[in-house]
Amino acid sequence: MIGFTQRIRLAVADDHPLVVLAIERLIANVQNIEIVFRAQDSTELVEALEEQPCDVVIMDFNMPGGGYGDGIDLIKYIVEHHPQAAIVALSMTTDADLIARALDAGANGRFHGAFQQL
């Protein structure tokens, strides 16, 4: 089991339930990481962030249908309104310019094809 000395509150936002399940399984054996909420679009994510702050947001870069957009727009919103949350954006893109823009907008990291092996 992997452990950290500080409890990490994690938010998972993805419009694909299997991705959320995969993330849950990946962190199930990690001590002190707790998923405090799950969201399927940017509206659910932002509403949940208002109610329950978190330390890390793992979000799908492409998550259509929410009132706060997705991708760069959502990253900027989270950085502006919830600066305490580190952001990891999940994406299948290999577009270096788009990745650089996401990092410049405030994403702390990104995974490309992180769940292809699951």
PDB file of N, CA and C in Angstrom:
ATOM      1  N   MET A   1       0.822  -1.173   0.000  1.00  0.00           N
ATOM      2  CA  MET A   1       0.000   0.000   0.000  1.00  0.00           C
ATOM      3  C   MET A   1       0.876   1.250   0.000  1.00  0.00           C
ATOM      4  N   ILE A   2       0.540   2.220  -0.827  1.00  0.00           N
ATOM      5  CA  ILE A   2       1.254   3.484  -0.874  1.00  0.00           C
ATOM      6  C   ILE A   2       0.601   4.424   0.128  1.00  0.00           C
ATOM      7  N   GLY A   3       1.386   5.182   0.860  1.00  0.00           N
ATOM      8  CA  GLY A   3       0.817   6.094   1.829  1.00  0.00           C
ATOM      9  C   GLY A   3       1.453   7.462   1.771  1.00  0.00           C
ATOM     10  N   PHE A   4       0.696   8.452   2.142  1.00  0.00           N
ATOM     11  CA  PHE A   4       1.163   9.821   2.250  1.00  0.00           C
ATOM     12  C   PHE A   4       0.895  10.280   3.673  1.00  0.00           C
ATOM     13  N   THR A   5       1.643  11.251   4.143  1.00  0.00           N
ATOM     14  CA  THR A   5       1.425  11.720   5.507  1.00  0.00           C
ATOM     15  C   THR A   5       0.248  12.679   5.593  1.00  0.00           C
ATOM     16  N   GLN A   6      -0.085  13.348   4.513  1.00  0.00           N
ATOM     17  CA  GLN A   6      -1.194  14.290   4.505  1.00  0.00           C
ATOM     18  C   GLN A   6      -2.362  13.705   3.717  1.00  0.00           C
ATOM     19  N   ARG A   7      -3.561  13.876   4.222  1.00  0.00           N
ATOM     20  CA  ARG A   7      -4.758  13.407   3.519  1.00  0.00           C
ATOM     21  C   ARG A   7      -4.970  14.249   2.271  1.00  0.00           C
ATOM     22  N   ILE A   8      -5.231  13.600   1.158  1.00  0.00           N
ATOM     23  CA  ILE A   8      -5.468  14.274  -0.117  1.00  0.00           C
ATOM     24  C   ILE A   8      -6.927  14.067  -0.494  1.00  0.00           C
ATOM     25  N   ARG A   9      -7.631  15.183  -0.688  1.00  0.00           N
ATOM     26  CA  ARG A   9      -9.038  15.149  -1.101  1.00  0.00           C
ATOM     27  C   ARG A   9      -9.089  15.284  -2.616  1.00  0.00           C
ATOM     28  N   LEU A  10      -9.656  14.283  -3.269  1.00  0.00           N
ATOM     29  CA  LEU A  10      -9.634  14.174  -4.718  1.00  0.00           C
ATOM     30  C   LEU A  10     -11.035  14.318  -5.293  1.00  0.00           C
ATOM     31  N   ALA A  11     -11.144  15.099  -6.366  1.00  0.00           N
ATOM     32  CA  ALA A  11     -12.376  15.198  -7.146  1.00  0.00           C
ATOM     33  C   ALA A  11     -12.114  14.549  -8.497  1.00  0.00           C
ATOM     34  N   VAL A  12     -13.079  13.785  -8.974  1.00  0.00           N
ATOM     35  CA  VAL A  12     -12.950  13.130 -10.274  1.00  0.00           C
ATOM     36  C   VAL A  12     -14.103  13.595 -11.153  1.00  0.00           C
ATOM     37  N   ALA A  13     -13.773  14.155 -12.308  1.00  0.00           N
ATOM     38  CA  ALA A  13     -14.792  14.652 -13.225  1.00  0.00           C
ATOM     39  C   ALA A  13     -14.556  14.065 -14.612  1.00  0.00           C
ATOM     40  N   ASP A  14     -15.496  13.264 -15.042  1.00  0.00           N
ATOM     41  CA  ASP A  14     -15.414  12.652 -16.372  1.00  0.00           C
ATOM     42  C   ASP A  14     -16.807  12.227 -16.787  1.00  0.00           C
ATOM     43  N   ASP A  15     -17.121  12.410 -18.052  1.00  0.00           N
ATOM     44  CA  ASP A  15     -18.447  12.033 -18.532  1.00  0.00           C
ATOM     45  C   ASP A  15     -18.535  10.554 -18.903  1.00  0.00           C
ATOM     46  N   HIS A  16     -17.476   9.804 -18.678  1.00  0.00           N
ATOM     47  CA  HIS A  16     -17.463   8.369 -18.936  1.00  0.00           C
ATOM     48  C   HIS A  16     -17.352   7.620 -17.605  1.00  0.00           C
ATOM     49  N   PRO A  17     -18.413   6.957 -17.168  1.00  0.00           N
ATOM     50  CA  PRO A  17     -18.387   6.269 -15.869  1.00  0.00           C
ATOM     51  C   PRO A  17     -17.273   5.238 -15.729  1.00  0.00           C
ATOM     52  N   LEU A  18     -16.866   4.597 -16.816  1.00  0.00           N
ATOM     53  CA  LEU A  18     -15.789   3.614 -16.717  1.00  0.00           C
ATOM     54  C   LEU A  18     -14.448   4.253 -16.382  1.00  0.00           C
ATOM     55  N   VAL A  19     -14.232   5.479 -16.823  1.00  0.00           N
ATOM     56  CA  VAL A  19     -12.998   6.178 -16.480  1.00  0.00           C
ATOM     57  C   VAL A  19     -12.992   6.500 -14.989  1.00  0.00           C
ATOM     58  N   VAL A  20     -14.127   6.955 -14.480  1.00  0.00           N
ATOM     59  CA  VAL A  20     -14.240   7.235 -13.047  1.00  0.00           C
ATOM     60  C   VAL A  20     -13.972   5.959 -12.254  1.00  0.00           C
ATOM     61  N   LEU A  21     -14.546   4.850 -12.678  1.00  0.00           N
ATOM     62  CA  LEU A  21     -14.322   3.571 -12.007  1.00  0.00           C
ATOM     63  C   LEU A  21     -12.842   3.185 -12.051  1.00  0.00           C
ATOM     64  N   ALA A  22     -12.194   3.394 -13.185  1.00  0.00           N
ATOM     65  CA  ALA A  22     -10.769   3.068 -13.307  1.00  0.00           C
ATOM     66  C   ALA A  22      -9.931   3.901 -12.343  1.00  0.00           C
ATOM     67  N   ILE A  23     -10.244   5.180 -12.228  1.00  0.00           N
ATOM     68  CA  ILE A  23      -9.508   6.037 -11.293  1.00  0.00           C
ATOM     69  C   ILE A  23      -9.732   5.555  -9.870  1.00  0.00           C
ATOM     70  N   GLU A  24     -10.977   5.235  -9.541  1.00  0.00           N
ATOM     71  CA  GLU A  24     -11.281   4.731  -8.200  1.00  0.00           C
ATOM     72  C   GLU A  24     -10.471   3.475  -7.891  1.00  0.00           C
ATOM     73  N   ARG A  25     -10.378   2.583  -8.846  1.00  0.00           N
ATOM     74  CA  ARG A  25      -9.613   1.347  -8.635  1.00  0.00           C
ATOM     75  C   ARG A  25      -8.119   1.612  -8.508  1.00  0.00           C
ATOM     76  N   LEU A  26      -7.622   2.575  -9.263  1.00  0.00           N
ATOM     77  CA  LEU A  26      -6.196   2.900  -9.196  1.00  0.00           C
ATOM     78  C   LEU A  26      -5.799   3.438  -7.827  1.00  0.00           C
ATOM     79  N   ILE A  27      -6.680   4.196  -7.198  1.00  0.00           N
ATOM     80  CA  ILE A  27      -6.315   4.795  -5.918  1.00  0.00           C
ATOM     81  C   ILE A  27      -6.868   4.031  -4.717  1.00  0.00           C
ATOM     82  N   ALA A  28      -7.568   2.957  -4.944  1.00  0.00           N
ATOM     83  CA  ALA A  28      -8.213   2.218  -3.852  1.00  0.00           C
ATOM     84  C   ALA A  28      -7.221   1.777  -2.772  1.00  0.00           C
ATOM     85  N   ASN A  29      -6.020   1.444  -3.142  1.00  0.00           N
ATOM     86  CA  ASN A  29      -5.031   0.962  -2.180  1.00  0.00           C
ATOM     87  C   ASN A  29      -4.028   2.020  -1.747  1.00  0.00           C
ATOM     88  N   VAL A  30      -4.342   3.266  -2.010  1.00  0.00           N
ATOM     89  CA  VAL A  30      -3.459   4.350  -1.613  1.00  0.00           C
ATOM     90  C   VAL A  30      -4.032   4.997  -0.352  1.00  0.00           C
ATOM     91  N   GLN A  31      -3.275   4.930   0.709  1.00  0.00           N
ATOM     92  CA  GLN A  31      -3.729   5.522   1.964  1.00  0.00           C
ATOM     93  C   GLN A  31      -3.804   7.035   1.851  1.00  0.00           C
ATOM     94  N   ASN A  32      -4.736   7.593   2.565  1.00  0.00           N
ATOM     95  CA  ASN A  32      -4.882   9.040   2.712  1.00  0.00           C
ATOM     96  C   ASN A  32      -5.337   9.767   1.456  1.00  0.00           C
ATOM     97  N   ILE A  33      -5.768   9.060   0.430  1.00  0.00           N
ATOM     98  CA  ILE A  33      -6.410   9.716  -0.707  1.00  0.00           C
ATOM     99  C   ILE A  33      -7.874   9.323  -0.661  1.00  0.00           C
ATOM    100  N   GLU A  34      -8.708  10.344  -0.644  1.00  0.00           N
ATOM    101  CA  GLU A  34     -10.145  10.124  -0.565  1.00  0.00           C
ATOM    102  C   GLU A  34     -10.827  10.853  -1.720  1.00  0.00           C
ATOM    103  N   ILE A  35     -11.659  10.141  -2.451  1.00  0.00           N
ATOM    104  CA  ILE A  35     -12.475  10.798  -3.468  1.00  0.00           C
ATOM    105  C   ILE A  35     -13.636  11.459  -2.741  1.00  0.00           C
ATOM    106  N   VAL A  36     -13.649  12.789  -2.751  1.00  0.00           N
ATOM    107  CA  VAL A  36     -14.683  13.513  -2.024  1.00  0.00           C
ATOM    108  C   VAL A  36     -15.930  13.744  -2.866  1.00  0.00           C
ATOM    109  N   PHE A  37     -15.777  13.711  -4.188  1.00  0.00           N
ATOM    110  CA  PHE A  37     -16.949  13.740  -5.062  1.00  0.00           C
ATOM    111  C   PHE A  37     -16.571  13.359  -6.480  1.00  0.00           C
ATOM    112  N   ARG A  38     -17.602  13.015  -7.227  1.00  0.00           N
ATOM    113  CA  ARG A  38     -17.491  12.661  -8.636  1.00  0.00           C
ATOM    114  C   ARG A  38     -18.445  13.575  -9.405  1.00  0.00           C
ATOM    115  N   ALA A  39     -18.066  13.957 -10.613  1.00  0.00           N
ATOM    116  CA  ALA A  39     -18.920  14.812 -11.435  1.00  0.00           C
ATOM    117  C   ALA A  39     -18.889  14.309 -12.871  1.00  0.00           C
ATOM    118  N   GLN A  40     -20.002  14.523 -13.575  1.00  0.00           N
ATOM    119  CA  GLN A  40     -20.090  14.086 -14.966  1.00  0.00           C
ATOM    120  C   GLN A  40     -19.946  15.227 -15.960  1.00  0.00           C
ATOM    121  N   ASP A  41     -20.010  16.470 -15.482  1.00  0.00           N
ATOM    122  CA  ASP A  41     -19.821  17.621 -16.366  1.00  0.00           C
ATOM    123  C   ASP A  41     -19.329  18.799 -15.534  1.00  0.00           C
ATOM    124  N   SER A  42     -19.060  19.911 -16.200  1.00  0.00           N
ATOM    125  CA  SER A  42     -18.481  21.050 -15.492  1.00  0.00           C
ATOM    126  C   SER A  42     -19.449  21.668 -14.490  1.00  0.00           C
ATOM    127  N   THR A  43     -20.736  21.608 -14.758  1.00  0.00           N
ATOM    128  CA  THR A  43     -21.711  22.151 -13.807  1.00  0.00           C
ATOM    129  C   THR A  43     -21.652  21.385 -12.497  1.00  0.00           C
ATOM    130  N   GLU A  44     -21.678  20.061 -12.564  1.00  0.00           N
ATOM    131  CA  GLU A  44     -21.589  19.249 -11.350  1.00  0.00           C
ATOM    132  C   GLU A  44     -20.257  19.479 -10.633  1.00  0.00           C
ATOM    133  N   LEU A  45     -19.181  19.604 -11.393  1.00  0.00           N
ATOM    134  CA  LEU A  45     -17.861  19.812 -10.796  1.00  0.00           C
ATOM    135  C   LEU A  45     -17.812  21.135 -10.038  1.00  0.00           C
ATOM    136  N   VAL A  46     -18.227  22.216 -10.668  1.00  0.00           N
ATOM    137  CA  VAL A  46     -18.156  23.533 -10.033  1.00  0.00           C
ATOM    138  C   VAL A  46     -19.080  23.590  -8.816  1.00  0.00           C
ATOM    139  N   GLU A  47     -20.283  23.058  -8.930  1.00  0.00           N
ATOM    140  CA  GLU A  47     -21.197  23.047  -7.785  1.00  0.00           C
ATOM    141  C   GLU A  47     -20.598  22.257  -6.621  1.00  0.00           C
ATOM    142  N   ALA A  48     -19.978  21.139  -6.923  1.00  0.00           N
ATOM    143  CA  ALA A  48     -19.364  20.320  -5.871  1.00  0.00           C
ATOM    144  C   ALA A  48     -18.171  21.036  -5.247  1.00  0.00           C
ATOM    145  N   LEU A  49     -17.365  21.723  -6.054  1.00  0.00           N
ATOM    146  CA  LEU A  49     -16.227  22.470  -5.523  1.00  0.00           C
ATOM    147  C   LEU A  49     -16.675  23.574  -4.578  1.00  0.00           C
ATOM    148  N   GLU A  50     -17.831  24.153  -4.835  1.00  0.00           N
ATOM    149  CA  GLU A  50     -18.372  25.192  -3.949  1.00  0.00           C
ATOM    150  C   GLU A  50     -18.759  24.607  -2.592  1.00  0.00           C
ATOM    151  N   GLU A  51     -19.225  23.369  -2.594  1.00  0.00           N
ATOM    152  CA  GLU A  51     -19.681  22.711  -1.362  1.00  0.00           C
ATOM    153  C   GLU A  51     -18.560  21.992  -0.617  1.00  0.00           C
ATOM    154  N   GLN A  52     -17.646  21.387  -1.363  1.00  0.00           N
ATOM    155  CA  GLN A  52     -16.627  20.510  -0.766  1.00  0.00           C
ATOM    156  C   GLN A  52     -15.283  20.787  -1.430  1.00  0.00           C
ATOM    157  N   PRO A  53     -14.461  21.632  -0.836  1.00  0.00           N
ATOM    158  CA  PRO A  53     -13.150  21.900  -1.434  1.00  0.00           C
ATOM    159  C   PRO A  53     -12.328  20.611  -1.569  1.00  0.00           C
ATOM    160  N   CYS A  54     -11.410  20.614  -2.514  1.00  0.00           N
ATOM    161  CA  CYS A  54     -10.545  19.451  -2.683  1.00  0.00           C
ATOM    162  C   CYS A  54      -9.129  19.922  -2.970  1.00  0.00           C
ATOM    163  N   ASP A  55      -8.200  18.989  -2.883  1.00  0.00           N
ATOM    164  CA  ASP A  55      -6.791  19.284  -3.125  1.00  0.00           C
ATOM    165  C   ASP A  55      -6.394  19.055  -4.579  1.00  0.00           C
ATOM    166  N   VAL A  56      -7.014  18.055  -5.206  1.00  0.00           N
ATOM    167  CA  VAL A  56      -6.675  17.682  -6.581  1.00  0.00           C
ATOM    168  C   VAL A  56      -7.955  17.420  -7.355  1.00  0.00           C
ATOM    169  N   VAL A  57      -8.027  17.966  -8.567  1.00  0.00           N
ATOM    170  CA  VAL A  57      -9.121  17.674  -9.494  1.00  0.00           C
ATOM    171  C   VAL A  57      -8.528  16.885 -10.655  1.00  0.00           C
ATOM    172  N   ILE A  58      -9.030  15.684 -10.863  1.00  0.00           N
ATOM    173  CA  ILE A  58      -8.701  14.921 -12.076  1.00  0.00           C
ATOM    174  C   ILE A  58      -9.901  15.099 -12.985  1.00  0.00           C
ATOM    175  N   MET A  59      -9.680  15.729 -14.130  1.00  0.00           N
ATOM    176  CA  MET A  59     -10.804  16.056 -15.017  1.00  0.00           C
ATOM    177  C   MET A  59     -10.527  15.641 -16.451  1.00  0.00           C
ATOM    178  N   ASP A  60     -11.586  15.204 -17.095  1.00  0.00           N
ATOM    179  CA  ASP A  60     -11.542  14.939 -18.522  1.00  0.00           C
ATOM    180  C   ASP A  60     -11.431  16.286 -19.233  1.00  0.00           C
ATOM    181  N   PHE A  61     -10.495  16.411 -20.153  1.00  0.00           N
ATOM    182  CA  PHE A  61     -10.331  17.661 -20.893  1.00  0.00           C
ATOM    183  C   PHE A  61     -11.551  17.934 -21.763  1.00  0.00           C
ATOM    184  N   ASN A  62     -12.088  16.897 -22.397  1.00  0.00           N
ATOM    185  CA  ASN A  62     -13.274  17.022 -23.241  1.00  0.00           C
ATOM    186  C   ASN A  62     -14.469  16.454 -22.493  1.00  0.00           C
ATOM    187  N   MET A  63     -15.291  17.348 -21.949  1.00  0.00           N
ATOM    188  CA  MET A  63     -16.424  16.943 -21.142  1.00  0.00           C
ATOM    189  C   MET A  63     -17.591  17.870 -21.490  1.00  0.00           C
ATOM    190  N   PRO A  64     -18.238  17.651 -22.627  1.00  0.00           N
ATOM    191  CA  PRO A  64     -19.274  18.576 -23.096  1.00  0.00           C
ATOM    192  C   PRO A  64     -20.533  18.538 -22.229  1.00  0.00           C
ATOM    193  N   GLY A  65     -21.317  19.602 -22.356  1.00  0.00           N
ATOM    194  CA  GLY A  65     -22.634  19.613 -21.744  1.00  0.00           C
ATOM    195  C   GLY A  65     -22.770  20.409 -20.473  1.00  0.00           C
ATOM    196  N   GLY A  66     -21.681  20.833 -19.872  1.00  0.00           N
ATOM    197  CA  GLY A  66     -21.769  21.586 -18.628  1.00  0.00           C
ATOM    198  C   GLY A  66     -21.833  23.080 -18.868  1.00  0.00           C
ATOM    199  N   GLY A  67     -22.313  23.795 -17.879  1.00  0.00           N
ATOM    200  CA  GLY A  67     -22.478  25.229 -17.980  1.00  0.00           C
ATOM    201  C   GLY A  67     -21.195  26.030 -17.877  1.00  0.00           C
ATOM    202  N   TYR A  68     -20.090  25.392 -17.523  1.00  0.00           N
ATOM    203  CA  TYR A  68     -18.818  26.099 -17.378  1.00  0.00           C
ATOM    204  C   TYR A  68     -17.825  25.697 -18.461  1.00  0.00           C
ATOM    205  N   GLY A  69     -18.312  25.050 -19.491  1.00  0.00           N
ATOM    206  CA  GLY A  69     -17.453  24.629 -20.586  1.00  0.00           C
ATOM    207  C   GLY A  69     -16.589  23.441 -20.195  1.00  0.00           C
ATOM    208  N   ASP A  70     -15.563  23.212 -20.962  1.00  0.00           N
ATOM    209  CA  ASP A  70     -14.601  22.161 -20.666  1.00  0.00           C
ATOM    210  C   ASP A  70     -13.235  22.626 -21.127  1.00  0.00           C
ATOM    211  N   GLY A  71     -12.263  21.764 -21.071  1.00  0.00           N
ATOM    212  CA  GLY A  71     -10.932  22.092 -21.558  1.00  0.00           C
ATOM    213  C   GLY A  71     -10.333  23.327 -20.911  1.00  0.00           C
ATOM    214  N   ILE A  72      -9.789  24.203 -21.748  1.00  0.00           N
ATOM    215  CA  ILE A  72      -9.088  25.404 -21.292  1.00  0.00           C
ATOM    216  C   ILE A  72     -10.011  26.291 -20.454  1.00  0.00           C
ATOM    217  N   ASP A  73     -11.256  26.478 -20.898  1.00  0.00           N
ATOM    218  CA  ASP A  73     -12.187  27.335 -20.161  1.00  0.00           C
ATOM    219  C   ASP A  73     -12.426  26.823 -18.746  1.00  0.00           C
ATOM    220  N   LEU A  74     -12.620  25.537 -18.604  1.00  0.00           N
ATOM    221  CA  LEU A  74     -12.871  24.961 -17.282  1.00  0.00           C
ATOM    222  C   LEU A  74     -11.624  25.037 -16.407  1.00  0.00           C
ATOM    223  N   ILE A  75     -10.475  24.768 -16.980  1.00  0.00           N
ATOM    224  CA  ILE A  75      -9.222  24.883 -16.222  1.00  0.00           C
ATOM    225  C   ILE A  75      -9.070  26.304 -15.684  1.00  0.00           C
ATOM    226  N   LYS A  76      -9.276  27.310 -16.539  1.00  0.00           N
ATOM    227  CA  LYS A  76      -9.154  28.705 -16.113  1.00  0.00           C
ATOM    228  C   LYS A  76     -10.153  29.029 -15.010  1.00  0.00           C
ATOM    229  N   TYR A  77     -11.369  28.536 -15.127  1.00  0.00           N
ATOM    230  CA  TYR A  77     -12.384  28.799 -14.107  1.00  0.00           C
ATOM    231  C   TYR A  77     -11.955  28.218 -12.761  1.00  0.00           C
ATOM    232  N   ILE A  78     -11.502  26.981 -12.774  1.00  0.00           N
ATOM    233  CA  ILE A  78     -11.084  26.335 -11.524  1.00  0.00           C
ATOM    234  C   ILE A  78      -9.907  27.081 -10.906  1.00  0.00           C
ATOM    235  N   VAL A  79      -8.923  27.447 -11.716  1.00  0.00           N
ATOM    236  CA  VAL A  79      -7.752  28.172 -11.211  1.00  0.00           C
ATOM    237  C   VAL A  79      -8.178  29.498 -10.578  1.00  0.00           C
ATOM    238  N   GLU A  80      -9.106  30.203 -11.219  1.00  0.00           N
ATOM    239  CA  GLU A  80      -9.531  31.504 -10.712  1.00  0.00           C
ATOM    240  C   GLU A  80     -10.364  31.390  -9.436  1.00  0.00           C
ATOM    241  N   HIS A  81     -11.272  30.419  -9.393  1.00  0.00           N
ATOM    242  CA  HIS A  81     -12.222  30.337  -8.284  1.00  0.00           C
ATOM    243  C   HIS A  81     -11.839  29.336  -7.194  1.00  0.00           C
ATOM    244  N   HIS A  82     -10.951  28.418  -7.503  1.00  0.00           N
ATOM    245  CA  HIS A  82     -10.531  27.388  -6.537  1.00  0.00           C
ATOM    246  C   HIS A  82      -9.026  27.156  -6.670  1.00  0.00           C
ATOM    247  N   PRO A  83      -8.241  28.183  -6.393  1.00  0.00           N
ATOM    248  CA  PRO A  83      -6.795  28.099  -6.644  1.00  0.00           C
ATOM    249  C   PRO A  83      -6.060  27.069  -5.792  1.00  0.00           C
ATOM    250  N   GLN A  84      -6.680  26.596  -4.731  1.00  0.00           N
ATOM    251  CA  GLN A  84      -6.029  25.594  -3.882  1.00  0.00           C
ATOM    252  C   GLN A  84      -6.006  24.212  -4.541  1.00  0.00           C
ATOM    253  N   ALA A  85      -6.807  24.013  -5.560  1.00  0.00           N
ATOM    254  CA  ALA A  85      -6.917  22.697  -6.194  1.00  0.00           C
ATOM    255  C   ALA A  85      -5.914  22.548  -7.341  1.00  0.00           C
ATOM    256  N   ALA A  86      -5.092  21.523  -7.265  1.00  0.00           N
ATOM    257  CA  ALA A  86      -4.221  21.169  -8.387  1.00  0.00           C
ATOM    258  C   ALA A  86      -5.084  20.465  -9.432  1.00  0.00           C
ATOM    259  N   ILE A  87      -4.773  20.654 -10.694  1.00  0.00           N
ATOM    260  CA  ILE A  87      -5.592  20.108 -11.777  1.00  0.00           C
ATOM    261  C   ILE A  87      -4.772  19.158 -12.626  1.00  0.00           C
ATOM    262  N   VAL A  88      -5.301  17.958 -12.820  1.00  0.00           N
ATOM    263  CA  VAL A  88      -4.733  16.992 -13.755  1.00  0.00           C
ATOM    264  C   VAL A  88      -5.791  16.774 -14.835  1.00  0.00           C
ATOM    265  N   ALA A  89      -5.454  17.073 -16.076  1.00  0.00           N
ATOM    266  CA  ALA A  89      -6.386  16.937 -17.194  1.00  0.00           C
ATOM    267  C   ALA A  89      -6.104  15.644 -17.947  1.00  0.00           C
ATOM    268  N   LEU A  90      -7.155  14.850 -18.137  1.00  0.00           N
ATOM    269  CA  LEU A  90      -7.047  13.616 -18.908  1.00  0.00           C
ATOM    270  C   LEU A  90      -7.386  13.910 -20.358  1.00  0.00           C
ATOM    271  N   SER A  91      -6.558  13.433 -21.266  1.00  0.00           N
ATOM    272  CA  SER A  91      -6.791  13.699 -22.678  1.00  0.00           C
ATOM    273  C   SER A  91      -6.104  12.652 -23.535  1.00  0.00           C
ATOM    274  N   MET A  92      -6.657  12.434 -24.683  1.00  0.00           N
ATOM    275  CA  MET A  92      -6.020  11.554 -25.671  1.00  0.00           C
ATOM    276  C   MET A  92      -5.261  12.366 -26.724  1.00  0.00           C
ATOM    277  N   THR A  93      -5.254  13.684 -26.575  1.00  0.00           N
ATOM    278  CA  THR A  93      -4.630  14.522 -27.590  1.00  0.00           C
ATOM    279  C   THR A  93      -3.107  14.395 -27.582  1.00  0.00           C
ATOM    280  N   THR A  94      -2.540  14.549 -28.745  1.00  0.00           N
ATOM    281  CA  THR A  94      -1.083  14.639 -28.879  1.00  0.00           C
ATOM    282  C   THR A  94      -0.697  16.024 -29.399  1.00  0.00           C
ATOM    283  N   ASP A  95      -1.660  16.928 -29.455  1.00  0.00           N
ATOM    284  CA  ASP A  95      -1.450  18.290 -29.943  1.00  0.00           C
ATOM    285  C   ASP A  95      -0.623  19.074 -28.920  1.00  0.00           C
ATOM    286  N   ALA A  96       0.643  19.273 -29.222  1.00  0.00           N
ATOM    287  CA  ALA A  96       1.562  19.931 -28.288  1.00  0.00           C
ATOM    288  C   ALA A  96       1.108  21.343 -27.950  1.00  0.00           C
ATOM    289  N   ASP A  97       0.533  22.061 -28.914  1.00  0.00           N
ATOM    290  CA  ASP A  97       0.061  23.419 -28.654  1.00  0.00           C
ATOM    291  C   ASP A  97      -1.090  23.408 -27.653  1.00  0.00           C
ATOM    292  N   LEU A  98      -2.017  22.499 -27.821  1.00  0.00           N
ATOM    293  CA  LEU A  98      -3.158  22.402 -26.906  1.00  0.00           C
ATOM    294  C   LEU A  98      -2.694  22.007 -25.501  1.00  0.00           C
ATOM    295  N   ILE A  99      -1.761  21.083 -25.418  1.00  0.00           N
ATOM    296  CA  ILE A  99      -1.210  20.672 -24.123  1.00  0.00           C
ATOM    297  C   ILE A  99      -0.523  21.857 -23.449  1.00  0.00           C
ATOM    298  N   ALA A 100       0.258  22.607 -24.203  1.00  0.00           N
ATOM    299  CA  ALA A 100       0.940  23.780 -23.650  1.00  0.00           C
ATOM    300  C   ALA A 100      -0.072  24.816 -23.172  1.00  0.00           C
ATOM    301  N   ARG A 101      -1.147  25.016 -23.932  1.00  0.00           N
ATOM    302  CA  ARG A 101      -2.186  25.972 -23.517  1.00  0.00           C
ATOM    303  C   ARG A 101      -2.874  25.521 -22.232  1.00  0.00           C
ATOM    304  N   ALA A 102      -3.105  24.223 -22.096  1.00  0.00           N
ATOM    305  CA  ALA A 102      -3.726  23.706 -20.869  1.00  0.00           C
ATOM    306  C   ALA A 102      -2.805  23.933 -19.673  1.00  0.00           C
ATOM    307  N   LEU A 103      -1.530  23.679 -19.844  1.00  0.00           N
ATOM    308  CA  LEU A 103      -0.564  23.900 -18.765  1.00  0.00           C
ATOM    309  C   LEU A 103      -0.441  25.386 -18.451  1.00  0.00           C
ATOM    310  N   ASP A 104      -0.432  26.223 -19.482  1.00  0.00           N
ATOM    311  CA  ASP A 104      -0.373  27.670 -19.278  1.00  0.00           C
ATOM    312  C   ASP A 104      -1.628  28.186 -18.568  1.00  0.00           C
ATOM    313  N   ALA A 105      -2.763  27.542 -18.824  1.00  0.00           N
ATOM    314  CA  ALA A 105      -4.025  27.956 -18.196  1.00  0.00           C
ATOM    315  C   ALA A 105      -4.056  27.588 -16.718  1.00  0.00           C
ATOM    316  N   GLY A 106      -3.207  26.650 -16.312  1.00  0.00           N
ATOM    317  CA  GLY A 106      -3.149  26.303 -14.902  1.00  0.00           C
ATOM    318  C   GLY A 106      -3.203  24.833 -14.577  1.00  0.00           C
ATOM    319  N   ALA A 107      -3.332  23.989 -15.585  1.00  0.00           N
ATOM    320  CA  ALA A 107      -3.282  22.549 -15.303  1.00  0.00           C
ATOM    321  C   ALA A 107      -1.887  22.216 -14.769  1.00  0.00           C
ATOM    322  N   ASN A 108      -1.852  21.331 -13.790  1.00  0.00           N
ATOM    323  CA  ASN A 108      -0.582  20.954 -13.181  1.00  0.00           C
ATOM    324  C   ASN A 108       0.039  19.738 -13.847  1.00  0.00           C
ATOM    325  N   GLY A 109      -0.747  19.032 -14.638  1.00  0.00           N
ATOM    326  CA  GLY A 109      -0.250  17.859 -15.326  1.00  0.00           C
ATOM    327  C   GLY A 109      -1.329  17.309 -16.229  1.00  0.00           C
ATOM    328  N   ARG A 110      -0.945  16.350 -17.052  1.00  0.00           N
ATOM    329  CA  ARG A 110      -1.929  15.709 -17.909  1.00  0.00           C
ATOM    330  C   ARG A 110      -1.476  14.297 -18.194  1.00  0.00           C
ATOM    331  N   PHE A 111      -2.448  13.436 -18.430  1.00  0.00           N
ATOM    332  CA  PHE A 111      -2.182  12.052 -18.781  1.00  0.00           C
ATOM    333  C   PHE A 111      -2.706  11.822 -20.181  1.00  0.00           C
ATOM    334  N   HIS A 112      -1.891  11.263 -21.012  1.00  0.00           N
ATOM    335  CA  HIS A 112      -2.314  10.916 -22.372  1.00  0.00           C
ATOM    336  C   HIS A 112      -2.521   9.411 -22.413  1.00  0.00           C
ATOM    337  N   GLY A 113      -3.732   9.007 -22.676  1.00  0.00           N
ATOM    338  CA  GLY A 113      -4.012   7.580 -22.782  1.00  0.00           C
ATOM    339  C   GLY A 113      -3.753   6.831 -21.504  1.00  0.00           C
ATOM    340  N   ALA A 114      -3.998   7.453 -20.382  1.00  0.00           N
ATOM    341  CA  ALA A 114      -3.651   6.864 -19.092  1.00  0.00           C
ATOM    342  C   ALA A 114      -4.388   5.563 -18.812  1.00  0.00           C
ATOM    343  N   PHE A 115      -5.534   5.366 -19.431  1.00  0.00           N
ATOM    344  CA  PHE A 115      -6.341   4.208 -19.094  1.00  0.00           C
ATOM    345  C   PHE A 115      -6.427   3.204 -20.236  1.00  0.00           C
ATOM    346  N   GLN A 116      -5.546   3.299 -21.203  1.00  0.00           N
ATOM    347  CA  GLN A 116      -5.578   2.381 -22.333  1.00  0.00           C
ATOM    348  C   GLN A 116      -5.297   0.947 -21.917  1.00  0.00           C
ATOM    349  N   GLN A 117      -4.546   0.744 -20.849  1.00  0.00           N
ATOM    350  CA  GLN A 117      -4.168  -0.596 -20.433  1.00  0.00           C
ATOM    351  C   GLN A 117      -5.185  -1.253 -19.509  1.00  0.00           C
ATOM    352  N   LEU A 118      -6.185  -0.477 -19.039  1.00  0.00           N
ATOM    353  CA  LEU A 118      -7.155  -1.012 -18.099  1.00  0.00           C
ATOM    354  C   LEU A 118      -8.245  -1.786 -18.809  1.00  0.00           C
TER     355      LEU A 118
END
